[in-house]
Amino acid sequence: MITEMTYPNEIEKTEGEIKVLQAKLELLKEMEKHKTPCQEAFKKVFNHYPNEKDFREGIWFGFEKGYNASKEDCKIEEPKPMDDVIDRLVEKYKSQKLWNMVRNELGYSIDCCDEIVDLVEKWLPKEQSAEGSQNVDVELLVDGFNDCVRKMKEMLR
């Protein structure tokens, strides 16, 4: 008799938990759709929204800090819309990409730019591994080397 009473309650409890989880999931999905102006600006520059890697490497933190600082400067010095500031930052960052430099400064076709950047990407050294090393200096050097390789790859496109 106890199992008969407990079983329907367990089912109701589980159904209730499922409903709560579904509501949380819907809320998370809705929150994912709405990005802050800073996240939108980040996407304009890096062609993706901030992700776990951007947080880990401090890219998001630096970008957000610069974005907020530019917002403050804009309020104090000149009342230009934020879009102008973002567009200037985007253009400045784009001009540093190899693909854009080859396209804009040398006038190469889009296909040619893609081929050049692909070739440079293949030419760059592969990331290294410090696996098995028990030397902190070696691990730090490998981390620094890999960070440098990643940054070079980010500057291609």
Protein backbone atom coordinates (compact mmCIF):
# COMPACT_ATOMS: atom_id res chain seq x y z
CA MET A 1 0.00 0.00 0.00
CA ILE A 2 2.85 2.39 0.71
CA THR A 3 4.36 1.79 -2.72
CA GLU A 4 1.03 2.64 -4.38
CA MET A 5 0.89 6.02 -2.63
CA THR A 6 4.56 6.83 -3.16
CA TYR A 7 4.60 5.90 -6.83
CA PRO A 8 2.01 8.46 -8.02
CA ASN A 9 3.69 11.12 -5.86
CA GLU A 10 7.08 10.30 -7.37
CA ILE A 11 5.57 10.59 -10.84
CA GLU A 12 3.99 13.94 -9.97
CA LYS A 13 7.24 15.11 -8.40
CA THR A 14 9.23 14.07 -11.49
CA GLU A 15 6.69 15.68 -13.82
CA GLY A 16 6.93 18.88 -11.78
CA GLU A 17 10.73 18.82 -11.98
CA ILE A 18 10.54 18.27 -15.73
CA LYS A 19 8.20 21.27 -16.11
CA VAL A 20 10.59 23.45 -14.10
CA LEU A 21 13.54 22.29 -16.22
CA GLN A 22 11.60 22.93 -19.43
CA ALA A 23 10.76 26.44 -18.24
CA LYS A 24 14.42 27.05 -17.39
CA LEU A 25 15.44 25.72 -20.81
CA GLU A 26 12.99 28.04 -22.57
CA LEU A 27 14.28 30.98 -20.54
CA LEU A 28 17.89 30.13 -21.44
CA LYS A 29 16.96 29.84 -25.11
CA GLU A 30 15.23 33.22 -24.95
CA MET A 31 18.21 34.78 -23.18
CA GLU A 32 20.52 33.34 -25.85
CA LYS A 33 18.56 35.19 -28.52
CA HIS A 34 19.03 38.57 -26.84
CA LYS A 35 22.59 39.85 -26.96
CA THR A 36 23.94 42.98 -25.32
CA PRO A 37 25.20 45.79 -27.55
CA CYS A 38 28.72 44.86 -26.45
CA GLN A 39 28.21 41.22 -27.55
CA GLU A 40 26.85 42.44 -30.89
CA ALA A 41 29.92 44.67 -31.33
CA PHE A 42 32.18 41.71 -30.48
CA LYS A 43 30.45 39.68 -33.21
CA LYS A 44 31.03 42.48 -35.74
CA VAL A 45 34.75 42.38 -34.98
CA PHE A 46 35.39 38.66 -34.46
CA ASN A 47 32.56 37.21 -36.59
CA HIS A 48 31.20 35.22 -33.60
CA TYR A 49 29.64 35.92 -30.25
CA PRO A 50 31.90 35.61 -27.20
CA ASN A 51 32.45 31.98 -26.26
CA GLU A 52 34.20 29.95 -23.58
CA LYS A 53 37.59 30.30 -25.34
CA ASP A 54 37.22 34.09 -25.47
CA PHE A 55 36.55 34.18 -21.73
CA ARG A 56 39.43 31.81 -20.95
CA GLU A 57 41.94 33.79 -22.99
CA GLY A 58 40.74 37.14 -21.66
CA ILE A 59 39.69 38.37 -25.10
CA TRP A 60 36.11 39.07 -24.01
CA PHE A 61 37.22 40.85 -20.82
CA GLY A 62 39.52 43.20 -22.74
CA PHE A 63 36.98 43.83 -25.46
CA GLU A 64 34.19 44.53 -22.96
CA LYS A 65 36.43 46.88 -20.98
CA GLY A 66 37.39 48.77 -24.16
CA TYR A 67 33.79 48.87 -25.32
CA ASN A 68 32.62 50.31 -22.01
CA ALA A 69 35.52 52.79 -21.96
CA SER A 70 34.66 53.98 -25.46
CA LYS A 71 31.08 54.42 -24.31
CA GLU A 72 32.25 56.58 -21.41
CA ASP A 73 34.58 58.62 -23.65
CA CYS A 74 31.78 59.08 -26.14
CA LYS A 75 29.50 60.53 -23.48
CA ILE A 76 32.13 62.89 -22.16
CA GLU A 77 33.89 64.10 -25.29
CA GLU A 78 31.50 63.79 -28.19
CA PRO A 79 27.85 62.86 -28.36
CA LYS A 80 28.23 60.57 -31.41
CA PRO A 81 26.05 57.47 -31.62
CA MET A 82 27.67 54.30 -30.37
CA ASP A 83 27.36 52.80 -33.84
CA ASP A 84 29.99 55.24 -35.17
CA VAL A 85 32.45 54.19 -32.49
CA ILE A 86 31.76 50.50 -33.13
CA ASP A 87 32.10 50.94 -36.90
CA ARG A 88 35.47 52.67 -36.45
CA LEU A 89 36.70 49.85 -34.20
CA VAL A 90 35.43 47.22 -36.62
CA GLU A 91 37.13 48.90 -39.59
CA LYS A 92 40.36 49.35 -37.66
CA TYR A 93 40.38 45.67 -36.67
CA LYS A 94 39.40 44.50 -40.16
CA SER A 95 42.27 46.47 -41.68
CA GLN A 96 44.68 44.41 -39.60
CA LYS A 97 43.48 41.09 -41.04
CA LEU A 98 45.68 39.59 -43.77
CA TRP A 99 42.69 38.75 -45.97
CA ASN A 100 41.50 42.37 -45.91
CA MET A 101 44.98 43.77 -46.46
CA VAL A 102 45.51 41.57 -49.55
CA ARG A 103 42.04 42.46 -50.84
CA ASN A 104 41.98 46.20 -50.09
CA GLU A 105 45.62 47.24 -50.37
CA LEU A 106 46.73 44.96 -53.19
CA GLY A 107 43.39 44.60 -54.97
CA TYR A 108 43.43 40.80 -55.24
CA SER A 109 40.19 38.96 -56.04
CA ILE A 110 38.20 37.29 -53.27
CA ASP A 111 39.19 33.82 -54.51
CA CYS A 112 42.84 34.79 -54.62
CA CYS A 113 42.66 36.24 -51.10
CA ASP A 114 41.11 33.01 -49.85
CA GLU A 115 43.86 30.96 -51.50
CA ILE A 116 46.65 33.11 -50.06
CA VAL A 117 45.19 33.03 -46.55
CA ASP A 118 44.61 29.26 -46.78
CA LEU A 119 48.21 28.78 -47.86
CA VAL A 120 49.55 30.94 -45.01
CA GLU A 121 47.33 29.05 -42.56
CA LYS A 122 48.83 25.73 -43.72
CA TRP A 123 52.31 27.25 -43.52
CA LEU A 124 51.97 28.36 -39.91
CA PRO A 125 53.43 25.96 -37.34
CA LYS A 126 51.10 23.55 -35.56
CA GLU A 127 50.31 23.99 -31.87
CA GLN A 128 52.62 22.09 -29.53
CA SER A 129 51.89 19.89 -26.53
CA ALA A 130 53.60 19.94 -23.15
CA GLU A 131 52.00 16.63 -22.24
CA GLY A 132 54.28 14.52 -20.12
CA SER A 133 56.50 17.43 -19.19
CA GLN A 134 57.05 18.01 -15.51
CA ASN A 135 58.81 21.29 -16.06
CA VAL A 136 56.70 24.40 -15.45
CA ASP A 137 58.93 26.51 -17.70
CA VAL A 138 58.39 24.13 -20.62
CA GLU A 139 54.63 24.20 -20.05
CA LEU A 140 54.62 28.01 -19.96
CA LEU A 141 56.73 28.23 -23.10
CA VAL A 142 54.43 25.82 -24.94
CA ASP A 143 51.36 27.78 -23.76
CA GLY A 144 52.94 31.01 -24.99
CA PHE A 145 53.90 29.46 -28.32
CA ASN A 146 50.39 28.06 -28.83
CA ASP A 147 48.83 31.39 -27.89
CA CYS A 148 51.03 33.10 -30.48
CA VAL A 149 50.04 30.58 -33.18
CA ARG A 150 46.33 31.08 -32.33
CA LYS A 151 46.68 34.86 -32.49
CA MET A 152 48.38 34.64 -35.89
CA LYS A 153 45.58 32.44 -37.18
CA GLU A 154 42.98 34.89 -35.84
CA MET A 155 44.71 37.70 -37.76
CA LEU A 156 44.35 35.91 -41.09
CA ARG A 157 40.61 36.42 -41.65
